[in-house]
């Protein structure tokens, strides 16, 4: 059996290290923004639910 080269995690071809760090930072910022938006939506739904049930009582 022929041995295959073990691929290691690192920077993709054609990117320098600064580009890789900038890409990771951008992805992290987008993820935080998406989580914040999901929390805002969830809070809005909870408040709407509470208002509806407050009016029923």
Foldseek 3Di string as FASTA:
>chain_A
DDDDDDDDDDDDPPDDPVRVVVVVVVVVVVVVVVVVVVVVVVVVVVVVVVVVVVVVD
